[in-house]
Amino acid sequence: MSFSLQFGYAHDLPSVVARVKSQPSDFMVVEQSIAATSHGEHVYLRLRKTNMNTAWLAKCIAETANVTVKDVGYAGRKDRFAITEQAFSCYLPGKQVNQWDRLEDDQVKILAVDRTSRKIRKGDLYGNQFVIRLRDVSDDLTRKLETVKSQGVPNYFGEQRFGRNMNNLRQAELLMSGKRRHCQQRDLMLSAARSYLFNVNLSRQITEQGWRSIGDDQQGVLFGLSRDPQTGELDLPEYCAHWVAGLRGFRIRSGLRNYKLVPREMSWDSLGRDWQIRFVLPPGAYATSVLRELVHDGEPGSGC
């Protein structure tokens, strides 16, 4: 089965070419984290990581504290090829760890250590602040940036959600077609499938009715448990329509997600052939969904 990631654009296919993520410092993310309570059974760590996977850093924290990785919490996975700051919690009731400095190296910097009353869980953040440098930009971006700032972009799930070479979607298909019973990261694969269906429905409306048909507060369905057919279910492509029944079979909860994403606090500077862009996105939103409306990535074999 082949999957298409050629989702519709709000403001036409970008004509400007730029190099995206040429180096980790080109993509900086600061998590707007929930604050520590300064007391409680969990250690609160605020860390800066460079070119490192969030899940891997969580494993390092667990090893340093001599606990299981399940005792380590974080609000969301941050980009690997980037410089990112985020908060972690580590369940250590009545215990002290005096060796947190063992975490530090060229890739990890400890910014703060405190205590907090509960585990940090997925979604426990206010948003993410991005500072992105686009290199070797082929033309002026001002007009496109102003359009995105005022009109927003489609709130697509980013391509990274679907795994390398879309492997998460392929694994989801095996699960939901009954060709595979068990999967170590089952929830991740099913979430990828649900995200893909959301993107397909949003893209279809943009392609058929135009970006202006999307209301500011309009939401799309995240398919899951439901007695009745959900909006857009009957319009899905045949090759993935059976996933809706599959998600219900795995008892995945249904939900809603905004169709429109409007970056907050958006500003930019032209730096010769480079541009630096700053904005804040709410939890669950992808910076790549903003970038894909601005530029075509000129780096061979890569994409926004």
C-alpha atoms as a PDB file:
ATOM      1  CA  MET A   1       0.000   0.000   0.000  1.00  0.00           C
ATOM      2  CA  SER A   2       1.304   3.465  -0.880  1.00  0.00           C
ATOM      3  CA  PHE A   3       0.496   6.599   1.098  1.00  0.00           C
ATOM      4  CA  SER A   4       0.507  10.145  -0.234  1.00  0.00           C
ATOM      5  CA  LEU A   5       1.756  13.051   1.858  1.00  0.00           C
ATOM      6  CA  GLN A   6       0.913  15.568  -0.858  1.00  0.00           C
ATOM      7  CA  PHE A   7      -1.672  17.414   1.207  1.00  0.00           C
ATOM      8  CA  GLY A   8      -3.351  20.571  -0.065  1.00  0.00           C
ATOM      9  CA  TYR A   9      -1.843  24.016   0.497  1.00  0.00           C
ATOM     10  CA  ALA A  10      -3.667  27.010   1.931  1.00  0.00           C
ATOM     11  CA  HIS A  11      -1.654  29.602   0.032  1.00  0.00           C
ATOM     12  CA  ASP A  12      -0.460  27.760  -3.090  1.00  0.00           C
ATOM     13  CA  LEU A  13       2.645  25.638  -3.516  1.00  0.00           C
ATOM     14  CA  PRO A  14       5.656  27.676  -2.339  1.00  0.00           C
ATOM     15  CA  SER A  15       7.933  28.945  -5.097  1.00  0.00           C
ATOM     16  CA  VAL A  16      10.722  30.069  -2.748  1.00  0.00           C
ATOM     17  CA  VAL A  17      13.528  27.579  -2.105  1.00  0.00           C
ATOM     18  CA  ALA A  18      15.544  27.463   1.115  1.00  0.00           C
ATOM     19  CA  ARG A  19      17.687  25.100   3.127  1.00  0.00           C
ATOM     20  CA  VAL A  20      15.843  23.930   6.253  1.00  0.00           C
ATOM     21  CA  LYS A  21      17.576  22.413   9.308  1.00  0.00           C
ATOM     22  CA  SER A  22      21.067  22.606   7.845  1.00  0.00           C
ATOM     23  CA  GLN A  23      22.372  22.341  11.420  1.00  0.00           C
ATOM     24  CA  PRO A  24      20.726  21.864  14.856  1.00  0.00           C
ATOM     25  CA  SER A  25      20.986  25.562  15.757  1.00  0.00           C
ATOM     26  CA  ASP A  26      18.768  26.394  12.766  1.00  0.00           C
ATOM     27  CA  PHE A  27      15.784  24.885  14.587  1.00  0.00           C
ATOM     28  CA  MET A  28      15.402  25.992  18.199  1.00  0.00           C
ATOM     29  CA  VAL A  29      12.421  25.060  20.366  1.00  0.00           C
ATOM     30  CA  VAL A  30      11.650  26.294  23.879  1.00  0.00           C
ATOM     31  CA  GLU A  31       8.813  24.460  25.590  1.00  0.00           C
ATOM     32  CA  GLN A  32       6.441  26.684  27.527  1.00  0.00           C
ATOM     33  CA  SER A  33       6.286  24.172  30.353  1.00  0.00           C
ATOM     34  CA  ILE A  34       4.079  23.884  33.385  1.00  0.00           C
ATOM     35  CA  ALA A  35       5.925  25.241  36.427  1.00  0.00           C
ATOM     36  CA  ALA A  36       7.414  23.167  39.206  1.00  0.00           C
ATOM     37  CA  THR A  37       5.602  23.279  42.554  1.00  0.00           C
ATOM     38  CA  SER A  38       8.907  23.160  44.513  1.00  0.00           C
ATOM     39  CA  HIS A  39       7.597  20.235  46.574  1.00  0.00           C
ATOM     40  CA  GLY A  40       6.357  16.728  45.929  1.00  0.00           C
ATOM     41  CA  GLU A  41       7.468  13.202  45.049  1.00  0.00           C
ATOM     42  CA  HIS A  42       8.867  14.019  41.600  1.00  0.00           C
ATOM     43  CA  VAL A  43      12.129  15.686  40.655  1.00  0.00           C
ATOM     44  CA  TYR A  44      11.565  18.415  38.052  1.00  0.00           C
ATOM     45  CA  LEU A  45      14.335  18.822  35.482  1.00  0.00           C
ATOM     46  CA  ARG A  46      14.540  21.483  32.819  1.00  0.00           C
ATOM     47  CA  LEU A  47      17.054  20.430  30.181  1.00  0.00           C
ATOM     48  CA  ARG A  48      18.444  21.688  26.911  1.00  0.00           C
ATOM     49  CA  LYS A  49      19.288  18.979  24.391  1.00  0.00           C
ATOM     50  CA  THR A  50      21.073  19.168  21.062  1.00  0.00           C
ATOM     51  CA  ASN A  51      20.630  16.615  18.298  1.00  0.00           C
ATOM     52  CA  MET A  52      19.048  14.108  20.676  1.00  0.00           C
ATOM     53  CA  ASN A  53      15.776  12.193  20.790  1.00  0.00           C
ATOM     54  CA  THR A  54      13.455  13.040  23.707  1.00  0.00           C
ATOM     55  CA  ALA A  55      12.727   9.384  24.464  1.00  0.00           C
ATOM     56  CA  TRP A  56      16.449   8.626  24.573  1.00  0.00           C
ATOM     57  CA  LEU A  57      17.045  11.468  27.035  1.00  0.00           C
ATOM     58  CA  ALA A  58      14.208  10.131  29.206  1.00  0.00           C
ATOM     59  CA  LYS A  59      16.011   6.778  29.251  1.00  0.00           C
ATOM     60  CA  CYS A  60      19.235   8.498  30.329  1.00  0.00           C
ATOM     61  CA  ILE A  61      17.378  10.231  33.165  1.00  0.00           C
ATOM     62  CA  ALA A  62      15.953   6.878  34.323  1.00  0.00           C
ATOM     63  CA  GLU A  63      19.387   5.285  34.308  1.00  0.00           C
ATOM     64  CA  THR A  64      20.912   8.180  36.239  1.00  0.00           C
ATOM     65  CA  ALA A  65      18.182   7.967  38.908  1.00  0.00           C
ATOM     66  CA  ASN A  66      18.113   4.141  38.891  1.00  0.00           C
ATOM     67  CA  VAL A  67      14.376   4.013  38.107  1.00  0.00           C
ATOM     68  CA  THR A  68      12.346   2.630  35.211  1.00  0.00           C
ATOM     69  CA  VAL A  69      11.677   4.797  32.178  1.00  0.00           C
ATOM     70  CA  LYS A  70       7.968   4.718  33.132  1.00  0.00           C
ATOM     71  CA  ASP A  71       8.886   6.850  36.155  1.00  0.00           C
ATOM     72  CA  VAL A  72      10.085   9.626  33.837  1.00  0.00           C
ATOM     73  CA  GLY A  73       7.531  12.019  32.370  1.00  0.00           C
ATOM     74  CA  TYR A  74       7.573  14.684  29.668  1.00  0.00           C
ATOM     75  CA  ALA A  75       4.927  16.716  27.865  1.00  0.00           C
ATOM     76  CA  GLY A  76       5.830  15.819  24.297  1.00  0.00           C
ATOM     77  CA  ARG A  77       8.567  14.632  21.977  1.00  0.00           C
ATOM     78  CA  LYS A  78      10.731  17.377  20.549  1.00  0.00           C
ATOM     79  CA  ASP A  79      12.614  17.337  17.271  1.00  0.00           C
ATOM     80  CA  ARG A  80      15.854  15.410  17.323  1.00  0.00           C
ATOM     81  CA  PHE A  81      17.864  17.481  14.823  1.00  0.00           C
ATOM     82  CA  ALA A  82      17.439  20.699  16.772  1.00  0.00           C
ATOM     83  CA  ILE A  83      18.285  22.535  19.975  1.00  0.00           C
ATOM     84  CA  THR A  84      15.334  22.150  22.327  1.00  0.00           C
ATOM     85  CA  GLU A  85      14.459  22.990  25.920  1.00  0.00           C
ATOM     86  CA  GLN A  86      11.836  21.068  27.847  1.00  0.00           C
ATOM     87  CA  ALA A  87      10.818  19.838  31.288  1.00  0.00           C
ATOM     88  CA  PHE A  88      11.002  16.267  32.591  1.00  0.00           C
ATOM     89  CA  SER A  89       9.752  14.734  35.821  1.00  0.00           C
ATOM     90  CA  CYS A  90      11.277  11.755  37.622  1.00  0.00           C
ATOM     91  CA  TYR A  91       9.436   9.854  40.347  1.00  0.00           C
ATOM     92  CA  LEU A  92      11.712   9.795  43.410  1.00  0.00           C
ATOM     93  CA  PRO A  93       9.581   9.921  46.583  1.00  0.00           C
ATOM     94  CA  GLY A  94      11.741  10.736  49.587  1.00  0.00           C
ATOM     95  CA  LYS A  95      14.946  10.217  47.621  1.00  0.00           C
ATOM     96  CA  GLN A  96      17.683  12.568  46.546  1.00  0.00           C
ATOM     97  CA  VAL A  97      19.885  12.195  43.491  1.00  0.00           C
ATOM     98  CA  ASN A  98      23.127  14.121  43.716  1.00  0.00           C
ATOM     99  CA  GLN A  99      24.535  12.986  40.411  1.00  0.00           C
ATOM    100  CA  TRP A 100      22.361  14.814  37.877  1.00  0.00           C
ATOM    101  CA  ASP A 101      25.529  16.375  36.511  1.00  0.00           C
ATOM    102  CA  ARG A 102      26.259  12.963  34.992  1.00  0.00           C
ATOM    103  CA  LEU A 103      23.603  13.811  32.407  1.00  0.00           C
ATOM    104  CA  GLU A 104      25.590  16.750  31.112  1.00  0.00           C
ATOM    105  CA  ASP A 105      27.788  16.491  28.037  1.00  0.00           C
ATOM    106  CA  ASP A 106      28.069  18.197  24.661  1.00  0.00           C
ATOM    107  CA  GLN A 107      24.418  17.334  23.928  1.00  0.00           C
ATOM    108  CA  VAL A 108      22.697  17.919  27.280  1.00  0.00           C
ATOM    109  CA  LYS A 109      22.687  20.949  29.563  1.00  0.00           C
ATOM    110  CA  ILE A 110      20.878  21.110  32.920  1.00  0.00           C
ATOM    111  CA  LEU A 111      18.999  24.403  33.247  1.00  0.00           C
ATOM    112  CA  ALA A 112      17.110  23.790  36.513  1.00  0.00           C
ATOM    113  CA  VAL A 113      16.467  21.097  39.131  1.00  0.00           C
ATOM    114  CA  ASP A 114      13.450  21.357  41.428  1.00  0.00           C
ATOM    115  CA  ARG A 115      10.608  19.298  42.892  1.00  0.00           C
ATOM    116  CA  THR A 116       7.038  18.970  41.649  1.00  0.00           C
ATOM    117  CA  SER A 117       3.880  17.304  42.918  1.00  0.00           C
ATOM    118  CA  ARG A 118       2.939  15.137  39.941  1.00  0.00           C
ATOM    119  CA  LYS A 119       4.304  13.423  36.876  1.00  0.00           C
ATOM    120  CA  ILE A 120       4.519  15.485  33.711  1.00  0.00           C
ATOM    121  CA  ARG A 121       2.271  13.831  31.129  1.00  0.00           C
ATOM    122  CA  LYS A 122       1.671  14.228  27.432  1.00  0.00           C
ATOM    123  CA  GLY A 123       0.114  17.619  26.735  1.00  0.00           C
ATOM    124  CA  ASP A 124       1.232  19.218  30.019  1.00  0.00           C
ATOM    125  CA  LEU A 125       2.510  22.398  28.398  1.00  0.00           C
ATOM    126  CA  TYR A 126       1.191  25.763  27.243  1.00  0.00           C
ATOM    127  CA  GLY A 127       2.902  25.753  23.866  1.00  0.00           C
ATOM    128  CA  ASN A 128       6.258  25.792  22.105  1.00  0.00           C
ATOM    129  CA  GLN A 129       8.304  28.784  21.017  1.00  0.00           C
ATOM    130  CA  PHE A 130      10.274  28.332  17.787  1.00  0.00           C
ATOM    131  CA  VAL A 131      13.239  30.235  16.392  1.00  0.00           C
ATOM    132  CA  ILE A 132      14.008  28.931  12.914  1.00  0.00           C
ATOM    133  CA  ARG A 133      16.746  29.970  10.522  1.00  0.00           C
ATOM    134  CA  LEU A 134      16.174  29.393   6.807  1.00  0.00           C
ATOM    135  CA  ARG A 135      19.380  29.456   4.770  1.00  0.00           C
ATOM    136  CA  ASP A 136      20.067  30.432   1.167  1.00  0.00           C
ATOM    137  CA  VAL A 137      16.535  31.707   0.646  1.00  0.00           C
ATOM    138  CA  SER A 138      15.915  32.218  -3.063  1.00  0.00           C
ATOM    139  CA  ASP A 139      13.487  35.170  -2.860  1.00  0.00           C
ATOM    140  CA  ASP A 140      11.760  37.651  -0.566  1.00  0.00           C
ATOM    141  CA  LEU A 141       9.504  35.931   1.987  1.00  0.00           C
ATOM    142  CA  THR A 142       7.785  39.025   3.375  1.00  0.00           C
ATOM    143  CA  ARG A 143       4.483  38.696   1.535  1.00  0.00           C
ATOM    144  CA  LYS A 144       4.109  34.992   2.304  1.00  0.00           C
ATOM    145  CA  LEU A 145       4.997  35.523   5.954  1.00  0.00           C
ATOM    146  CA  GLU A 146       2.401  38.269   6.293  1.00  0.00           C
ATOM    147  CA  THR A 147      -0.233  35.989   4.727  1.00  0.00           C
ATOM    148  CA  VAL A 148       0.579  33.117   7.077  1.00  0.00           C
ATOM    149  CA  LYS A 149       0.590  35.447  10.077  1.00  0.00           C
ATOM    150  CA  SER A 150      -2.874  36.810   9.283  1.00  0.00           C
ATOM    151  CA  GLN A 151      -4.603  33.805   7.684  1.00  0.00           C
ATOM    152  CA  GLY A 152      -2.900  30.833   9.314  1.00  0.00           C
ATOM    153  CA  VAL A 153      -2.075  27.443   7.792  1.00  0.00           C
ATOM    154  CA  PRO A 154      -3.674  23.987   7.739  1.00  0.00           C
ATOM    155  CA  ASN A 155      -3.170  22.336  11.114  1.00  0.00           C
ATOM    156  CA  TYR A 156      -1.704  19.173   9.611  1.00  0.00           C
ATOM    157  CA  PHE A 157       0.116  16.584  11.653  1.00  0.00           C
ATOM    158  CA  GLY A 158       3.753  16.755  10.553  1.00  0.00           C
ATOM    159  CA  GLU A 159       5.342  14.116   8.349  1.00  0.00           C
ATOM    160  CA  GLN A 160       7.521  12.982  11.258  1.00  0.00           C
ATOM    161  CA  ARG A 161       4.338  11.635  12.846  1.00  0.00           C
ATOM    162  CA  PHE A 162       4.179   8.935  10.184  1.00  0.00           C
ATOM    163  CA  GLY A 163       7.686   7.580  10.696  1.00  0.00           C
ATOM    164  CA  ARG A 164      10.642   7.155   8.394  1.00  0.00           C
ATOM    165  CA  ASN A 165       9.448   6.107   4.948  1.00  0.00           C
ATOM    166  CA  MET A 166       5.931   6.163   6.486  1.00  0.00           C
ATOM    167  CA  ASN A 167       6.702   2.992   8.408  1.00  0.00           C
ATOM    168  CA  ASN A 168       4.254   3.902  11.202  1.00  0.00           C
ATOM    169  CA  LEU A 169       1.408   3.842   8.666  1.00  0.00           C
ATOM    170  CA  ARG A 170       2.536   0.518   7.223  1.00  0.00           C
ATOM    171  CA  GLN A 171       2.632  -1.011  10.707  1.00  0.00           C
ATOM    172  CA  ALA A 172      -0.820   0.422  11.444  1.00  0.00           C
ATOM    173  CA  GLU A 173      -2.165  -1.228   8.294  1.00  0.00           C
ATOM    174  CA  LEU A 174      -0.772  -4.600   9.403  1.00  0.00           C
ATOM    175  CA  LEU A 175      -2.423  -4.180  12.801  1.00  0.00           C
ATOM    176  CA  MET A 176      -5.823  -3.151  11.495  1.00  0.00           C
ATOM    177  CA  SER A 177      -5.913  -5.714   8.705  1.00  0.00           C
ATOM    178  CA  GLY A 178      -5.241  -8.491  11.239  1.00  0.00           C
ATOM    179  CA  LYS A 179      -1.869  -9.414   9.730  1.00  0.00           C
ATOM    180  CA  ARG A 180      -0.100  -8.494  12.933  1.00  0.00           C
ATOM    181  CA  ARG A 181      -1.470  -9.067  16.398  1.00  0.00           C
ATOM    182  CA  HIS A 182       1.114  -7.417  18.597  1.00  0.00           C
ATOM    183  CA  CYS A 183       3.293  -4.353  18.264  1.00  0.00           C
ATOM    184  CA  GLN A 184       5.571  -2.857  20.906  1.00  0.00           C
ATOM    185  CA  GLN A 185       4.527   0.671  19.917  1.00  0.00           C
ATOM    186  CA  ARG A 186       0.935  -0.124  19.015  1.00  0.00           C
ATOM    187  CA  ASP A 187      -0.534   3.111  20.334  1.00  0.00           C
ATOM    188  CA  LEU A 188       1.991   5.144  18.355  1.00  0.00           C
ATOM    189  CA  MET A 189       1.103   3.325  15.127  1.00  0.00           C
ATOM    190  CA  LEU A 190      -2.650   3.717  15.656  1.00  0.00           C
ATOM    191  CA  SER A 191      -2.207   7.385  16.511  1.00  0.00           C
ATOM    192  CA  ALA A 192      -0.259   7.831  13.272  1.00  0.00           C
ATOM    193  CA  ALA A 193      -3.122   6.274  11.306  1.00  0.00           C
ATOM    194  CA  ARG A 194      -5.692   8.531  12.975  1.00  0.00           C
ATOM    195  CA  SER A 195      -3.502  11.558  12.281  1.00  0.00           C
ATOM    196  CA  TYR A 196      -3.209  10.587   8.632  1.00  0.00           C
ATOM    197  CA  LEU A 197      -6.991  10.338   8.287  1.00  0.00           C
ATOM    198  CA  PHE A 198      -7.319  13.822   9.786  1.00  0.00           C
ATOM    199  CA  ASN A 199      -4.825  15.209   7.271  1.00  0.00           C
ATOM    200  CA  VAL A 200      -6.613  13.487   4.383  1.00  0.00           C
ATOM    201  CA  ASN A 201      -9.970  15.001   5.337  1.00  0.00           C
ATOM    202  CA  LEU A 202      -8.534  18.486   5.860  1.00  0.00           C
ATOM    203  CA  SER A 203      -6.656  18.315   2.559  1.00  0.00           C
ATOM    204  CA  ARG A 204      -9.779  17.205   0.723  1.00  0.00           C
ATOM    205  CA  GLN A 205     -11.797  20.185   1.964  1.00  0.00           C
ATOM    206  CA  ILE A 206      -9.023  22.633   1.023  1.00  0.00           C
ATOM    207  CA  THR A 207      -8.642  21.090  -2.439  1.00  0.00           C
ATOM    208  CA  GLU A 208     -12.375  20.997  -3.156  1.00  0.00           C
ATOM    209  CA  GLN A 209     -13.586  24.176  -1.445  1.00  0.00           C
ATOM    210  CA  GLY A 210     -10.511  26.349  -0.905  1.00  0.00           C
ATOM    211  CA  TRP A 211      -8.767  27.622   2.215  1.00  0.00           C
ATOM    212  CA  ARG A 212     -11.362  30.347   2.749  1.00  0.00           C
ATOM    213  CA  SER A 213     -13.974  27.649   3.375  1.00  0.00           C
ATOM    214  CA  ILE A 214     -12.213  26.769   6.642  1.00  0.00           C
ATOM    215  CA  GLY A 215     -13.689  28.681   9.584  1.00  0.00           C
ATOM    216  CA  ASP A 216     -11.452  30.070  12.305  1.00  0.00           C
ATOM    217  CA  ASP A 217     -12.892  27.684  14.900  1.00  0.00           C
ATOM    218  CA  GLN A 218     -13.732  24.782  12.587  1.00  0.00           C
ATOM    219  CA  GLN A 219     -12.651  21.372  13.854  1.00  0.00           C
ATOM    220  CA  GLY A 220     -12.076  18.037  12.213  1.00  0.00           C
ATOM    221  CA  VAL A 221     -12.663  14.562  13.591  1.00  0.00           C
ATOM    222  CA  LEU A 222      -9.979  12.378  15.107  1.00  0.00           C
ATOM    223  CA  PHE A 223     -11.614   9.040  14.409  1.00  0.00           C
ATOM    224  CA  GLY A 224     -12.267   6.554  17.189  1.00  0.00           C
ATOM    225  CA  LEU A 225     -15.085   5.135  19.276  1.00  0.00           C
ATOM    226  CA  SER A 226     -18.491   6.335  18.056  1.00  0.00           C
ATOM    227  CA  ARG A 227     -21.990   4.881  17.682  1.00  0.00           C
ATOM    228  CA  ASP A 228     -22.734   6.748  14.475  1.00  0.00           C
ATOM    229  CA  PRO A 229     -20.692   7.552  11.357  1.00  0.00           C
ATOM    230  CA  GLN A 230     -18.444  10.535  11.990  1.00  0.00           C
ATOM    231  CA  THR A 231     -18.089  13.612   9.799  1.00  0.00           C
ATOM    232  CA  GLY A 232     -15.926  12.879   6.781  1.00  0.00           C
ATOM    233  CA  GLU A 233     -15.922   9.126   7.304  1.00  0.00           C
ATOM    234  CA  LEU A 234     -17.770   8.377   4.070  1.00  0.00           C
ATOM    235  CA  ASP A 235     -15.440  10.618   2.044  1.00  0.00           C
ATOM    236  CA  LEU A 236     -12.192   8.848   2.921  1.00  0.00           C
ATOM    237  CA  PRO A 237     -10.197   7.156   0.128  1.00  0.00           C
ATOM    238  CA  GLU A 238     -10.987   3.471  -0.248  1.00  0.00           C
ATOM    239  CA  TYR A 239      -7.452   2.356   0.606  1.00  0.00           C
ATOM    240  CA  CYS A 240      -7.660   3.718   4.165  1.00  0.00           C
ATOM    241  CA  ALA A 241     -11.401   3.921   4.897  1.00  0.00           C
ATOM    242  CA  HIS A 242     -11.315   0.591   6.781  1.00  0.00           C
ATOM    243  CA  TRP A 243      -9.025   2.202   9.356  1.00  0.00           C
ATOM    244  CA  VAL A 244     -12.013   3.895  10.973  1.00  0.00           C
ATOM    245  CA  ALA A 245     -13.452   0.487  11.924  1.00  0.00           C
ATOM    246  CA  GLY A 246      -9.977  -0.622  12.962  1.00  0.00           C
ATOM    247  CA  LEU A 247      -9.555   2.293  15.336  1.00  0.00           C
ATOM    248  CA  ARG A 248     -12.918   1.543  16.888  1.00  0.00           C
ATOM    249  CA  GLY A 249     -11.937  -2.108  17.218  1.00  0.00           C
ATOM    250  CA  PHE A 250      -8.864  -1.116  19.174  1.00  0.00           C
ATOM    251  CA  ARG A 251     -11.106   1.156  21.270  1.00  0.00           C
ATOM    252  CA  ILE A 252      -9.217   4.334  20.423  1.00  0.00           C
ATOM    253  CA  ARG A 253     -10.954   7.422  21.791  1.00  0.00           C
ATOM    254  CA  SER A 254     -12.377   9.846  19.266  1.00  0.00           C
ATOM    255  CA  GLY A 255     -11.608  13.528  19.439  1.00  0.00           C
ATOM    256  CA  LEU A 256     -11.527  16.852  17.615  1.00  0.00           C
ATOM    257  CA  ARG A 257      -8.690  19.008  16.312  1.00  0.00           C
ATOM    258  CA  ASN A 258      -8.713  22.527  14.908  1.00  0.00           C
ATOM    259  CA  TYR A 259      -8.439  22.685  11.132  1.00  0.00           C
ATOM    260  CA  LYS A 260      -6.721  26.096  11.193  1.00  0.00           C
ATOM    261  CA  LEU A 261      -3.399  26.899  12.856  1.00  0.00           C
ATOM    262  CA  VAL A 262      -2.512  30.569  13.372  1.00  0.00           C
ATOM    263  CA  PRO A 263       1.030  31.133  14.731  1.00  0.00           C
ATOM    264  CA  ARG A 264       1.219  33.495  17.694  1.00  0.00           C
ATOM    265  CA  GLU A 265       3.841  36.196  18.305  1.00  0.00           C
ATOM    266  CA  MET A 266       5.126  35.741  14.763  1.00  0.00           C
ATOM    267  CA  SER A 267       8.015  37.929  13.610  1.00  0.00           C
ATOM    268  CA  TRP A 268      10.957  37.670  11.231  1.00  0.00           C
ATOM    269  CA  ASP A 269      14.216  39.223  10.079  1.00  0.00           C
ATOM    270  CA  SER A 270      16.000  39.120   6.750  1.00  0.00           C
ATOM    271  CA  LEU A 271      19.698  38.337   7.321  1.00  0.00           C
ATOM    272  CA  GLY A 272      21.233  38.608   3.896  1.00  0.00           C
ATOM    273  CA  ARG A 273      20.467  35.336   2.135  1.00  0.00           C
ATOM    274  CA  ASP A 274      19.070  33.876   5.368  1.00  0.00           C
ATOM    275  CA  TRP A 275      15.816  34.553   7.196  1.00  0.00           C
ATOM    276  CA  GLN A 276      15.107  34.065  10.897  1.00  0.00           C
ATOM    277  CA  ILE A 277      11.502  33.371  11.856  1.00  0.00           C
ATOM    278  CA  ARG A 278      10.001  33.314  15.351  1.00  0.00           C
ATOM    279  CA  PHE A 279       6.565  32.127  16.450  1.00  0.00           C
ATOM    280  CA  VAL A 280       4.677  30.251  19.164  1.00  0.00           C
ATOM    281  CA  LEU A 281       2.422  27.268  18.517  1.00  0.00           C
ATOM    282  CA  PRO A 282      -0.112  25.576  20.810  1.00  0.00           C
ATOM    283  CA  PRO A 283       0.419  22.027  22.094  1.00  0.00           C
ATOM    284  CA  GLY A 284       0.174  19.377  19.389  1.00  0.00           C
ATOM    285  CA  ALA A 285       0.895  21.748  16.496  1.00  0.00           C
ATOM    286  CA  TYR A 286       3.830  21.289  14.128  1.00  0.00           C
ATOM    287  CA  ALA A 287       6.293  23.950  12.984  1.00  0.00           C
ATOM    288  CA  THR A 288       6.765  21.931   9.802  1.00  0.00           C
ATOM    289  CA  SER A 289       3.130  22.689   8.926  1.00  0.00           C
ATOM    290  CA  VAL A 290       4.040  26.387   8.979  1.00  0.00           C
ATOM    291  CA  LEU A 291       7.288  25.971   7.048  1.00  0.00           C
ATOM    292  CA  ARG A 292       5.734  23.917   4.246  1.00  0.00           C
ATOM    293  CA  GLU A 293       3.564  26.922   3.346  1.00  0.00           C
ATOM    294  CA  LEU A 294       6.594  29.231   3.190  1.00  0.00           C
ATOM    295  CA  VAL A 295       9.390  27.461   1.352  1.00  0.00           C
ATOM    296  CA  HIS A 296      10.330  24.406  -0.621  1.00  0.00           C
ATOM    297  CA  ASP A 297      13.263  22.686   1.060  1.00  0.00           C
ATOM    298  CA  GLY A 298      16.268  22.825  -1.212  1.00  0.00           C
ATOM    299  CA  GLU A 299      18.253  20.264   0.776  1.00  0.00           C
ATOM    300  CA  PRO A 300      18.439  17.021  -1.274  1.00  0.00           C
ATOM    301  CA  GLY A 301      16.418  14.203   0.214  1.00  0.00           C
ATOM    302  CA  SER A 302      14.829  16.257   2.959  1.00  0.00           C
ATOM    303  CA  GLY A 303      11.580  18.100   3.493  1.00  0.00           C
ATOM    304  CA  CYS A 304       9.722  20.502   5.716  1.00  0.00           C
END
